[in-house]
PDB file of N, CA and C in Angstrom:
ATOM      1  N   MET A   1       5.846  -3.836   1.409  1.00  0.00           N
ATOM      2  CA  MET A   1       7.018  -4.650   1.188  1.00  0.00           C
ATOM      3  C   MET A   1       7.594  -5.071   2.539  1.00  0.00           C
ATOM      4  N   THR A   2       7.945  -6.297   2.676  1.00  0.00           N
ATOM      5  CA  THR A   2       8.509  -6.755   3.931  1.00  0.00           C
ATOM      6  C   THR A   2       9.916  -7.303   3.747  1.00  0.00           C
ATOM      7  N   SER A   3      10.393  -7.355   2.552  1.00  0.00           N
ATOM      8  CA  SER A   3      11.723  -7.877   2.286  1.00  0.00           C
ATOM      9  C   SER A   3      12.791  -6.913   2.792  1.00  0.00           C
ATOM     10  N   ASN A   4      14.017  -7.373   2.922  1.00  0.00           N
ATOM     11  CA  ASN A   4      15.098  -6.541   3.420  1.00  0.00           C
ATOM     12  C   ASN A   4      15.984  -6.062   2.265  1.00  0.00           C
ATOM     13  N   TYR A   5      15.394  -5.536   1.208  1.00  0.00           N
ATOM     14  CA  TYR A   5      16.167  -5.013   0.092  1.00  0.00           C
ATOM     15  C   TYR A   5      16.994  -3.823   0.538  1.00  0.00           C
ATOM     16  N   ARG A   6      18.151  -3.675  -0.042  1.00  0.00           N
ATOM     17  CA  ARG A   6      18.982  -2.509   0.208  1.00  0.00           C
ATOM     18  C   ARG A   6      18.924  -1.626  -1.033  1.00  0.00           C
ATOM     19  N   ASN A   7      19.069  -0.349  -0.826  1.00  0.00           N
ATOM     20  CA  ASN A   7      19.058   0.631  -1.900  1.00  0.00           C
ATOM     21  C   ASN A   7      17.799   0.535  -2.751  1.00  0.00           C
ATOM     22  N   MET A   8      16.877   1.392  -2.431  1.00  0.00           N
ATOM     23  CA  MET A   8      15.585   1.399  -3.103  1.00  0.00           C
ATOM     24  C   MET A   8      15.286   2.794  -3.618  1.00  0.00           C
ATOM     25  N   ARG A   9      14.282   2.895  -4.447  1.00  0.00           N
ATOM     26  CA  ARG A   9      13.751   4.170  -4.905  1.00  0.00           C
ATOM     27  C   ARG A   9      12.263   4.196  -4.610  1.00  0.00           C
ATOM     28  N   VAL A  10      11.791   5.328  -4.157  1.00  0.00           N
ATOM     29  CA  VAL A  10      10.361   5.543  -3.979  1.00  0.00           C
ATOM     30  C   VAL A  10       9.950   6.567  -5.026  1.00  0.00           C
ATOM     31  N   LEU A  11       8.982   6.206  -5.841  1.00  0.00           N
ATOM     32  CA  LEU A  11       8.446   7.111  -6.853  1.00  0.00           C
ATOM     33  C   LEU A  11       7.046   7.528  -6.440  1.00  0.00           C
ATOM     34  N   VAL A  12       6.788   8.821  -6.495  1.00  0.00           N
ATOM     35  CA  VAL A  12       5.470   9.368  -6.183  1.00  0.00           C
ATOM     36  C   VAL A  12       4.922   9.971  -7.464  1.00  0.00           C
ATOM     37  N   LEU A  13       3.779   9.473  -7.896  1.00  0.00           N
ATOM     38  CA  LEU A  13       3.113   9.952  -9.107  1.00  0.00           C
ATOM     39  C   LEU A  13       1.811  10.592  -8.661  1.00  0.00           C
ATOM     40  N   PHE A  14       1.594  11.840  -9.041  1.00  0.00           N
ATOM     41  CA  PHE A  14       0.395  12.503  -8.540  1.00  0.00           C
ATOM     42  C   PHE A  14      -0.243  13.398  -9.581  1.00  0.00           C
ATOM     43  N   ASP A  15      -1.538  13.534  -9.431  1.00  0.00           N
ATOM     44  CA  ASP A  15      -2.359  14.417 -10.258  1.00  0.00           C
ATOM     45  C   ASP A  15      -3.318  15.101  -9.299  1.00  0.00           C
ATOM     46  N   LEU A  16      -2.994  16.335  -8.960  1.00  0.00           N
ATOM     47  CA  LEU A  16      -3.807  17.074  -8.006  1.00  0.00           C
ATOM     48  C   LEU A  16      -4.522  18.213  -8.717  1.00  0.00           C
ATOM     49  N   PRO A  17      -5.750  18.511  -8.305  1.00  0.00           N
ATOM     50  CA  PRO A  17      -6.457  19.631  -8.926  1.00  0.00           C
ATOM     51  C   PRO A  17      -5.687  20.933  -8.694  1.00  0.00           C
ATOM     52  N   SER A  18      -5.662  21.792  -9.709  1.00  0.00           N
ATOM     53  CA  SER A  18      -4.921  23.052  -9.573  1.00  0.00           C
ATOM     54  C   SER A  18      -5.551  24.159 -10.411  1.00  0.00           C
ATOM     55  N   VAL A  19      -6.867  24.248 -10.362  1.00  0.00           N
ATOM     56  CA  VAL A  19      -7.588  25.278 -11.105  1.00  0.00           C
ATOM     57  C   VAL A  19      -7.866  26.478 -10.202  1.00  0.00           C
ATOM     58  N   GLU A  20      -8.493  26.209  -9.075  1.00  0.00           N
ATOM     59  CA  GLU A  20      -8.846  27.273  -8.135  1.00  0.00           C
ATOM     60  C   GLU A  20      -7.622  27.705  -7.335  1.00  0.00           C
ATOM     61  N   LYS A  21      -7.659  28.902  -6.787  1.00  0.00           N
ATOM     62  CA  LYS A  21      -6.541  29.457  -6.018  1.00  0.00           C
ATOM     63  C   LYS A  21      -6.162  28.541  -4.848  1.00  0.00           C
ATOM     64  N   GLU A  22      -7.142  28.048  -4.111  1.00  0.00           N
ATOM     65  CA  GLU A  22      -6.885  27.172  -2.964  1.00  0.00           C
ATOM     66  C   GLU A  22      -6.280  25.842  -3.417  1.00  0.00           C
ATOM     67  N   GLU A  23      -6.745  25.309  -4.551  1.00  0.00           N
ATOM     68  CA  GLU A  23      -6.181  24.066  -5.091  1.00  0.00           C
ATOM     69  C   GLU A  23      -4.709  24.260  -5.455  1.00  0.00           C
ATOM     70  N   LYS A  24      -4.381  25.404  -6.039  1.00  0.00           N
ATOM     71  CA  LYS A  24      -2.993  25.700  -6.399  1.00  0.00           C
ATOM     72  C   LYS A  24      -2.119  25.786  -5.148  1.00  0.00           C
ATOM     73  N   ARG A  25      -2.660  26.367  -4.087  1.00  0.00           N
ATOM     74  CA  ARG A  25      -1.922  26.465  -2.830  1.00  0.00           C
ATOM     75  C   ARG A  25      -1.653  25.070  -2.255  1.00  0.00           C
ATOM     76  N   ILE A  26      -2.656  24.208  -2.282  1.00  0.00           N
ATOM     77  CA  ILE A  26      -2.518  22.838  -1.777  1.00  0.00           C
ATOM     78  C   ILE A  26      -1.512  22.056  -2.618  1.00  0.00           C
ATOM     79  N   TYR A  27      -1.596  22.213  -3.942  1.00  0.00           N
ATOM     80  CA  TYR A  27      -0.653  21.552  -4.857  1.00  0.00           C
ATOM     81  C   TYR A  27       0.775  21.983  -4.539  1.00  0.00           C
ATOM     82  N   ALA A  28       0.988  23.303  -4.410  1.00  0.00           N
ATOM     83  CA  ALA A  28       2.326  23.839  -4.140  1.00  0.00           C
ATOM     84  C   ALA A  28       2.851  23.338  -2.798  1.00  0.00           C
ATOM     85  N   LYS A  29       1.988  23.278  -1.801  1.00  0.00           N
ATOM     86  CA  LYS A  29       2.400  22.799  -0.480  1.00  0.00           C
ATOM     87  C   LYS A  29       2.821  21.329  -0.543  1.00  0.00           C
ATOM     88  N   PHE A  30       2.038  20.498  -1.233  1.00  0.00           N
ATOM     89  CA  PHE A  30       2.363  19.078  -1.361  1.00  0.00           C
ATOM     90  C   PHE A  30       3.716  18.912  -2.047  1.00  0.00           C
ATOM     91  N   ARG A  31       3.915  19.612  -3.141  1.00  0.00           N
ATOM     92  CA  ARG A  31       5.161  19.548  -3.894  1.00  0.00           C
ATOM     93  C   ARG A  31       6.342  20.005  -3.032  1.00  0.00           C
ATOM     94  N   LYS A  32       6.187  21.100  -2.317  1.00  0.00           N
ATOM     95  CA  LYS A  32       7.265  21.611  -1.454  1.00  0.00           C
ATOM     96  C   LYS A  32       7.604  20.621  -0.347  1.00  0.00           C
ATOM     97  N   GLU A  33       6.599  19.959   0.206  1.00  0.00           N
ATOM     98  CA  GLU A  33       6.844  18.970   1.257  1.00  0.00           C
ATOM     99  C   GLU A  33       7.595  17.753   0.710  1.00  0.00           C
ATOM    100  N   LEU A  34       7.279  17.355  -0.531  1.00  0.00           N
ATOM    101  CA  LEU A  34       8.036  16.260  -1.158  1.00  0.00           C
ATOM    102  C   LEU A  34       9.510  16.641  -1.271  1.00  0.00           C
ATOM    103  N   ILE A  35       9.760  17.835  -1.767  1.00  0.00           N
ATOM    104  CA  ILE A  35      11.135  18.303  -1.948  1.00  0.00           C
ATOM    105  C   ILE A  35      11.839  18.405  -0.595  1.00  0.00           C
ATOM    106  N   LYS A  36      11.136  18.912   0.390  1.00  0.00           N
ATOM    107  CA  LYS A  36      11.685  19.030   1.746  1.00  0.00           C
ATOM    108  C   LYS A  36      12.083  17.661   2.300  1.00  0.00           C
ATOM    109  N   ASP A  37      11.356  16.621   1.895  1.00  0.00           N
ATOM    110  CA  ASP A  37      11.637  15.257   2.354  1.00  0.00           C
ATOM    111  C   ASP A  37      12.669  14.546   1.472  1.00  0.00           C
ATOM    112  N   GLY A  38      13.301  15.277   0.567  1.00  0.00           N
ATOM    113  CA  GLY A  38      14.386  14.692  -0.222  1.00  0.00           C
ATOM    114  C   GLY A  38      13.994  14.150  -1.582  1.00  0.00           C
ATOM    115  N   PHE A  39      12.769  14.367  -2.013  1.00  0.00           N
ATOM    116  CA  PHE A  39      12.344  13.916  -3.335  1.00  0.00           C
ATOM    117  C   PHE A  39      12.807  14.920  -4.388  1.00  0.00           C
ATOM    118  N   THR A  40      13.144  14.411  -5.561  1.00  0.00           N
ATOM    119  CA  THR A  40      13.493  15.274  -6.686  1.00  0.00           C
ATOM    120  C   THR A  40      12.554  14.976  -7.847  1.00  0.00           C
ATOM    121  N   MET A  41      12.318  15.990  -8.664  1.00  0.00           N
ATOM    122  CA  MET A  41      11.404  15.820  -9.790  1.00  0.00           C
ATOM    123  C   MET A  41      12.078  14.997 -10.880  1.00  0.00           C
ATOM    124  N   MET A  42      11.412  13.937 -11.280  1.00  0.00           N
ATOM    125  CA  MET A  42      11.854  13.101 -12.383  1.00  0.00           C
ATOM    126  C   MET A  42      11.215  13.591 -13.675  1.00  0.00           C
ATOM    127  N   GLN A  43       9.930  13.835 -13.611  1.00  0.00           N
ATOM    128  CA  GLN A  43       9.116  14.388 -14.689  1.00  0.00           C
ATOM    129  C   GLN A  43       8.020  15.182 -13.989  1.00  0.00           C
ATOM    130  N   PHE A  44       7.240  15.931 -14.756  1.00  0.00           N
ATOM    131  CA  PHE A  44       6.154  16.672 -14.137  1.00  0.00           C
ATOM    132  C   PHE A  44       5.264  15.711 -13.359  1.00  0.00           C
ATOM    133  N   SER A  45       5.016  16.039 -12.120  1.00  0.00           N
ATOM    134  CA  SER A  45       4.157  15.265 -11.212  1.00  0.00           C
ATOM    135  C   SER A  45       4.661  13.856 -10.938  1.00  0.00           C
ATOM    136  N   ILE A  46       5.954  13.626 -11.163  1.00  0.00           N
ATOM    137  CA  ILE A  46       6.591  12.364 -10.771  1.00  0.00           C
ATOM    138  C   ILE A  46       7.869  12.721 -10.024  1.00  0.00           C
ATOM    139  N   TYR A  47       7.894  12.344  -8.751  1.00  0.00           N
ATOM    140  CA  TYR A  47       9.045  12.646  -7.915  1.00  0.00           C
ATOM    141  C   TYR A  47       9.658  11.355  -7.413  1.00  0.00           C
ATOM    142  N   MET A  48      10.974  11.384  -7.180  1.00  0.00           N
ATOM    143  CA  MET A  48      11.713  10.183  -6.831  1.00  0.00           C
ATOM    144  C   MET A  48      12.622  10.478  -5.656  1.00  0.00           C
ATOM    145  N   ARG A  49      12.830   9.443  -4.823  1.00  0.00           N
ATOM    146  CA  ARG A  49      13.743   9.558  -3.691  1.00  0.00           C
ATOM    147  C   ARG A  49      14.506   8.264  -3.515  1.00  0.00           C
ATOM    148  N   PHE A  50      15.794   8.372  -3.271  1.00  0.00           N
ATOM    149  CA  PHE A  50      16.642   7.225  -2.949  1.00  0.00           C
ATOM    150  C   PHE A  50      16.424   6.870  -1.484  1.00  0.00           C
ATOM    151  N   CYS A  51      16.342   5.583  -1.181  1.00  0.00           N
ATOM    152  CA  CYS A  51      16.215   5.107   0.196  1.00  0.00           C
ATOM    153  C   CYS A  51      17.217   3.986   0.430  1.00  0.00           C
ATOM    154  N   ARG A  52      17.729   3.905   1.640  1.00  0.00           N
ATOM    155  CA  ARG A  52      18.753   2.900   1.964  1.00  0.00           C
ATOM    156  C   ARG A  52      18.209   1.476   2.018  1.00  0.00           C
ATOM    157  N   ASN A  53      16.936   1.324   2.394  1.00  0.00           N
ATOM    158  CA  ASN A  53      16.356  -0.012   2.540  1.00  0.00           C
ATOM    159  C   ASN A  53      14.836   0.120   2.620  1.00  0.00           C
ATOM    160  N   VAL A  54      14.163  -0.984   2.794  1.00  0.00           N
ATOM    161  CA  VAL A  54      12.697  -0.984   2.803  1.00  0.00           C
ATOM    162  C   VAL A  54      12.142  -0.234   4.012  1.00  0.00           C
ATOM    163  N   GLN A  55      12.835  -0.286   5.133  1.00  0.00           N
ATOM    164  CA  GLN A  55      12.365   0.438   6.311  1.00  0.00           C
ATOM    165  C   GLN A  55      12.424   1.945   6.075  1.00  0.00           C
ATOM    166  N   ASP A  56      13.491   2.415   5.457  1.00  0.00           N
ATOM    167  CA  ASP A  56      13.617   3.833   5.108  1.00  0.00           C
ATOM    168  C   ASP A  56      12.535   4.211   4.107  1.00  0.00           C
ATOM    169  N   SER A  57      12.301   3.353   3.131  1.00  0.00           N
ATOM    170  CA  SER A  57      11.257   3.577   2.133  1.00  0.00           C
ATOM    171  C   SER A  57       9.890   3.715   2.804  1.00  0.00           C
ATOM    172  N   ASN A  58       9.591   2.816   3.722  1.00  0.00           N
ATOM    173  CA  ASN A  58       8.299   2.844   4.419  1.00  0.00           C
ATOM    174  C   ASN A  58       8.119   4.120   5.236  1.00  0.00           C
ATOM    175  N   LYS A  59       9.203   4.617   5.819  1.00  0.00           N
ATOM    176  CA  LYS A  59       9.152   5.849   6.604  1.00  0.00           C
ATOM    177  C   LYS A  59       8.724   7.021   5.712  1.00  0.00           C
ATOM    178  N   HIS A  60       9.272   7.105   4.509  1.00  0.00           N
ATOM    179  CA  HIS A  60       8.939   8.206   3.607  1.00  0.00           C
ATOM    180  C   HIS A  60       7.542   8.031   3.000  1.00  0.00           C
ATOM    181  N   ILE A  61       7.142   6.810   2.781  1.00  0.00           N
ATOM    182  CA  ILE A  61       5.781   6.550   2.289  1.00  0.00           C
ATOM    183  C   ILE A  61       4.756   7.012   3.326  1.00  0.00           C
ATOM    184  N   GLU A  62       5.030   6.751   4.587  1.00  0.00           N
ATOM    185  CA  GLU A  62       4.115   7.181   5.654  1.00  0.00           C
ATOM    186  C   GLU A  62       4.027   8.701   5.715  1.00  0.00           C
ATOM    187  N   LYS A  63       5.150   9.388   5.519  1.00  0.00           N
ATOM    188  CA  LYS A  63       5.131  10.856   5.488  1.00  0.00           C
ATOM    189  C   LYS A  63       4.219  11.355   4.367  1.00  0.00           C
ATOM    190  N   ILE A  64       4.309  10.717   3.206  1.00  0.00           N
ATOM    191  CA  ILE A  64       3.468  11.120   2.071  1.00  0.00           C
ATOM    192  C   ILE A  64       1.999  10.887   2.397  1.00  0.00           C
ATOM    193  N   ARG A  65       1.691   9.765   2.993  1.00  0.00           N
ATOM    194  CA  ARG A  65       0.302   9.485   3.391  1.00  0.00           C
ATOM    195  C   ARG A  65      -0.231  10.587   4.305  1.00  0.00           C
ATOM    196  N   ASN A  66       0.608  11.038   5.226  1.00  0.00           N
ATOM    197  CA  ASN A  66       0.172  12.034   6.200  1.00  0.00           C
ATOM    198  C   ASN A  66       0.019  13.434   5.605  1.00  0.00           C
ATOM    199  N   LEU A  67       0.758  13.762   4.572  1.00  0.00           N
ATOM    200  CA  LEU A  67       0.656  15.102   4.000  1.00  0.00           C
ATOM    201  C   LEU A  67      -0.226  15.168   2.760  1.00  0.00           C
ATOM    202  N   SER A  68      -0.772  14.046   2.335  1.00  0.00           N
ATOM    203  CA  SER A  68      -1.584  14.011   1.121  1.00  0.00           C
ATOM    204  C   SER A  68      -2.884  14.793   1.280  1.00  0.00           C
ATOM    205  N   PRO A  69      -3.207  15.599   0.268  1.00  0.00           N
ATOM    206  CA  PRO A  69      -4.484  16.321   0.306  1.00  0.00           C
ATOM    207  C   PRO A  69      -5.655  15.361   0.104  1.00  0.00           C
ATOM    208  N   LYS A  70      -6.879  15.855   0.354  1.00  0.00           N
ATOM    209  CA  LYS A  70      -8.049  14.974   0.273  1.00  0.00           C
ATOM    210  C   LYS A  70      -8.521  14.738  -1.161  1.00  0.00           C
ATOM    211  N   ASP A  71      -8.149  15.625  -2.092  1.00  0.00           N
ATOM    212  CA  ASP A  71      -8.593  15.478  -3.480  1.00  0.00           C
ATOM    213  C   ASP A  71      -7.411  15.172  -4.401  1.00  0.00           C
ATOM    214  N   GLY A  72      -7.713  14.538  -5.521  1.00  0.00           N
ATOM    215  CA  GLY A  72      -6.685  14.228  -6.504  1.00  0.00           C
ATOM    216  C   GLY A  72      -6.337  12.751  -6.510  1.00  0.00           C
ATOM    217  N   HIS A  73      -5.221  12.450  -7.157  1.00  0.00           N
ATOM    218  CA  HIS A  73      -4.749  11.071  -7.273  1.00  0.00           C
ATOM    219  C   HIS A  73      -3.264  11.038  -6.939  1.00  0.00           C
ATOM    220  N   ILE A  74      -2.889  10.123  -6.048  1.00  0.00           N
ATOM    221  CA  ILE A  74      -1.492   9.954  -5.675  1.00  0.00           C
ATOM    222  C   ILE A  74      -1.191   8.463  -5.681  1.00  0.00           C
ATOM    223  N   ARG A  75      -0.119   8.097  -6.368  1.00  0.00           N
ATOM    224  CA  ARG A  75       0.337   6.706  -6.412  1.00  0.00           C
ATOM    225  C   ARG A  75       1.771   6.686  -5.906  1.00  0.00           C
ATOM    226  N   ILE A  76       2.151   5.614  -5.205  1.00  0.00           N
ATOM    227  CA  ILE A  76       3.508   5.452  -4.712  1.00  0.00           C
ATOM    228  C   ILE A  76       4.010   4.085  -5.167  1.00  0.00           C
ATOM    229  N   LEU A  77       5.220   4.072  -5.683  1.00  0.00           N
ATOM    230  CA  LEU A  77       5.828   2.833  -6.143  1.00  0.00           C
ATOM    231  C   LEU A  77       7.215   2.715  -5.533  1.00  0.00           C
ATOM    232  N   SER A  78       7.477   1.637  -4.798  1.00  0.00           N
ATOM    233  CA  SER A  78       8.804   1.354  -4.244  1.00  0.00           C
ATOM    234  C   SER A  78       9.436   0.259  -5.078  1.00  0.00           C
ATOM    235  N   ILE A  79      10.642   0.529  -5.543  1.00  0.00           N
ATOM    236  CA  ILE A  79      11.356  -0.471  -6.340  1.00  0.00           C
ATOM    237  C   ILE A  79      12.804  -0.543  -5.869  1.00  0.00           C
ATOM    238  N   THR A  80      13.443  -1.654  -6.153  1.00  0.00           N
ATOM    239  CA  THR A  80      14.852  -1.784  -5.793  1.00  0.00           C
ATOM    240  C   THR A  80      15.687  -0.914  -6.726  1.00  0.00           C
ATOM    241  N   GLU A  81      16.887  -0.603  -6.278  1.00  0.00           N
ATOM    242  CA  GLU A  81      17.811   0.186  -7.105  1.00  0.00           C
ATOM    243  C   GLU A  81      18.103  -0.551  -8.417  1.00  0.00           C
ATOM    244  N   HIS A  82      18.225  -1.864  -8.337  1.00  0.00           N
ATOM    245  CA  HIS A  82      18.470  -2.657  -9.552  1.00  0.00           C
ATOM    246  C   HIS A  82      17.327  -2.492 -10.549  1.00  0.00           C
ATOM    247  N   GLN A  83      16.092  -2.581 -10.068  1.00  0.00           N
ATOM    248  CA  GLN A  83      14.942  -2.387 -10.956  1.00  0.00           C
ATOM    249  C   GLN A  83      14.948  -0.988 -11.547  1.00  0.00           C
ATOM    250  N   TYR A  84      15.279   0.001 -10.735  1.00  0.00           N
ATOM    251  CA  TYR A  84      15.321   1.387 -11.202  1.00  0.00           C
ATOM    252  C   TYR A  84      16.368   1.560 -12.302  1.00  0.00           C
ATOM    253  N   GLU A  85      17.533   0.950 -12.121  1.00  0.00           N
ATOM    254  CA  GLU A  85      18.606   1.057 -13.114  1.00  0.00           C
ATOM    255  C   GLU A  85      18.239   0.388 -14.433  1.00  0.00           C
ATOM    256  N   GLU A  86      17.270  -0.517 -14.412  1.00  0.00           N
ATOM    257  CA  GLU A  86      16.826  -1.190 -15.631  1.00  0.00           C
ATOM    258  C   GLU A  86      15.803  -0.370 -16.418  1.00  0.00           C
ATOM    259  N   MET A  87      15.412   0.788 -15.890  1.00  0.00           N
ATOM    260  CA  MET A  87      14.443   1.636 -16.573  1.00  0.00           C
ATOM    261  C   MET A  87      14.979   2.030 -17.950  1.00  0.00           C
ATOM    262  N   ILE A  88      14.111   2.007 -18.929  1.00  0.00           N
ATOM    263  CA  ILE A  88      14.476   2.376 -20.296  1.00  0.00           C
ATOM    264  C   ILE A  88      13.982   3.784 -20.565  1.00  0.00           C
ATOM    265  N   VAL A  89      14.892   4.661 -20.936  1.00  0.00           N
ATOM    266  CA  VAL A  89      14.528   6.024 -21.297  1.00  0.00           C
ATOM    267  C   VAL A  89      14.325   6.041 -22.808  1.00  0.00           C
ATOM    268  N   VAL A  90      13.098   6.240 -23.248  1.00  0.00           N
ATOM    269  CA  VAL A  90      12.763   6.184 -24.668  1.00  0.00           C
ATOM    270  C   VAL A  90      13.034   7.527 -25.340  1.00  0.00           C
ATOM    271  N   ILE A  91      12.571   8.594 -24.735  1.00  0.00           N
ATOM    272  CA  ILE A  91      12.780   9.940 -25.261  1.00  0.00           C
ATOM    273  C   ILE A  91      13.301  10.802 -24.130  1.00  0.00           C
ATOM    274  N   GLY A  92      14.270  11.655 -24.407  1.00  0.00           N
ATOM    275  CA  GLY A  92      14.841  12.516 -23.376  1.00  0.00           C
ATOM    276  C   GLY A  92      16.074  11.884 -22.780  1.00  0.00           C
ATOM    277  N   GLU A  93      16.487  12.404 -21.643  1.00  0.00           N
ATOM    278  CA  GLU A  93      17.694  11.934 -20.984  1.00  0.00           C
ATOM    279  C   GLU A  93      17.436  11.721 -19.505  1.00  0.00           C
ATOM    280  N   MET A  94      18.346  10.997 -18.880  1.00  0.00           N
ATOM    281  CA  MET A  94      18.290  10.862 -17.429  1.00  0.00           C
ATOM    282  C   MET A  94      18.562  12.229 -16.822  1.00  0.00           C
ATOM    283  N   THR A  95      17.952  12.505 -15.670  1.00  0.00           N
ATOM    284  CA  THR A  95      18.213  13.762 -14.978  1.00  0.00           C
ATOM    285  C   THR A  95      19.623  13.732 -14.394  1.00  0.00           C
ATOM    286  N   GLU A  96      20.135  14.888 -14.025  1.00  0.00           N
ATOM    287  CA  GLU A  96      21.464  14.955 -13.418  1.00  0.00           C
ATOM    288  C   GLU A  96      21.529  14.121 -12.147  1.00  0.00           C
ATOM    289  N   THR A  97      20.464  14.127 -11.360  1.00  0.00           N
ATOM    290  CA  THR A  97      20.435  13.330 -10.136  1.00  0.00           C
ATOM    291  C   THR A  97      20.522  11.845 -10.468  1.00  0.00           C
ATOM    292  N   GLU A  98      19.804  11.415 -11.493  1.00  0.00           N
ATOM    293  CA  GLU A  98      19.846  10.008 -11.878  1.00  0.00           C
ATOM    294  C   GLU A  98      21.238   9.607 -12.343  1.00  0.00           C
ATOM    295  N   LYS A  99      21.930  10.507 -13.009  1.00  0.00           N
ATOM    296  CA  LYS A  99      23.294  10.213 -13.468  1.00  0.00           C
ATOM    297  C   LYS A  99      24.260  10.132 -12.294  1.00  0.00           C
ATOM    298  N   LEU A 100      24.050  10.967 -11.262  1.00  0.00           N
ATOM    299  CA  LEU A 100      24.958  11.017 -10.124  1.00  0.00           C
ATOM    300  C   LEU A 100      24.776   9.865  -9.157  1.00  0.00           C
ATOM    301  N   VAL A 101      23.532   9.467  -8.920  1.00  0.00           N
ATOM    302  CA  VAL A 101      23.254   8.469  -7.892  1.00  0.00           C
ATOM    303  C   VAL A 101      23.247   7.081  -8.514  1.00  0.00           C
ATOM    304  N   LYS A 102      24.214   6.290  -8.121  1.00  0.00           N
ATOM    305  CA  LYS A 102      24.317   4.905  -8.580  1.00  0.00           C
ATOM    306  C   LYS A 102      24.194   3.991  -7.374  1.00  0.00           C
ATOM    307  N   SER A 103      24.026   2.715  -7.603  1.00  0.00           N
ATOM    308  CA  SER A 103      23.801   1.797  -6.490  1.00  0.00           C
ATOM    309  C   SER A 103      25.014   1.645  -5.574  1.00  0.00           C
ATOM    310  N   ASP A 104      26.221   2.008  -6.025  1.00  0.00           N
ATOM    311  CA  ASP A 104      27.386   1.823  -5.186  1.00  0.00           C
ATOM    312  C   ASP A 104      27.800   3.072  -4.426  1.00  0.00           C
ATOM    313  N   TYR A 105      27.115   4.187  -4.643  1.00  0.00           N
ATOM    314  CA  TYR A 105      27.401   5.387  -3.857  1.00  0.00           C
ATOM    315  C   TYR A 105      26.200   6.321  -3.863  1.00  0.00           C
ATOM    316  N   LEU A 106      26.210   7.248  -2.910  1.00  0.00           N
ATOM    317  CA  LEU A 106      25.105   8.184  -2.772  1.00  0.00           C
ATOM    318  C   LEU A 106      25.667   9.596  -2.751  1.00  0.00           C
ATOM    319  N   VAL A 107      25.081  10.469  -3.548  1.00  0.00           N
ATOM    320  CA  VAL A 107      25.480  11.859  -3.577  1.00  0.00           C
ATOM    321  C   VAL A 107      24.315  12.673  -3.033  1.00  0.00           C
ATOM    322  N   VAL A 108      24.589  13.553  -2.067  1.00  0.00           N
ATOM    323  CA  VAL A 108      23.559  14.402  -1.514  1.00  0.00           C
ATOM    324  C   VAL A 108      23.709  15.773  -2.131  1.00  0.00           C
ATOM    325  N   ILE A 109      22.655  16.257  -2.785  1.00  0.00           N
ATOM    326  CA  ILE A 109      22.641  17.567  -3.419  1.00  0.00           C
ATOM    327  C   ILE A 109      21.743  18.475  -2.603  1.00  0.00           C
ATOM    328  N   GLU A 110      22.288  19.594  -2.177  1.00  0.00           N
ATOM    329  CA  GLU A 110      21.492  20.527  -1.372  1.00  0.00           C
ATOM    330  C   GLU A 110      21.220  21.775  -2.142  1.00  0.00           C
TER     331      GLU A 110
END
């Protein structure tokens, strides 16, 4: 993305092998690094992070590229806050983080 959008979300969707002991260790490390970088779990194997703009989004995408394991599947989707707010929840509810973070303010949960 090269546009100068403000307030974006980066979604990381992943499916990593987790049968063998070493695979489980790699999976746990990847997940912990996502959380350390400010991502929160939206659904199992789907993590989301608020970003101020496309440059901030790109910085976090590069971090994910660098920590990604060699096996499995990882997808990254950057969308504007407006697009994110248009998401339709069919079953279940928005997470507490999704309810707290709106396009006009940012709440940091530690």
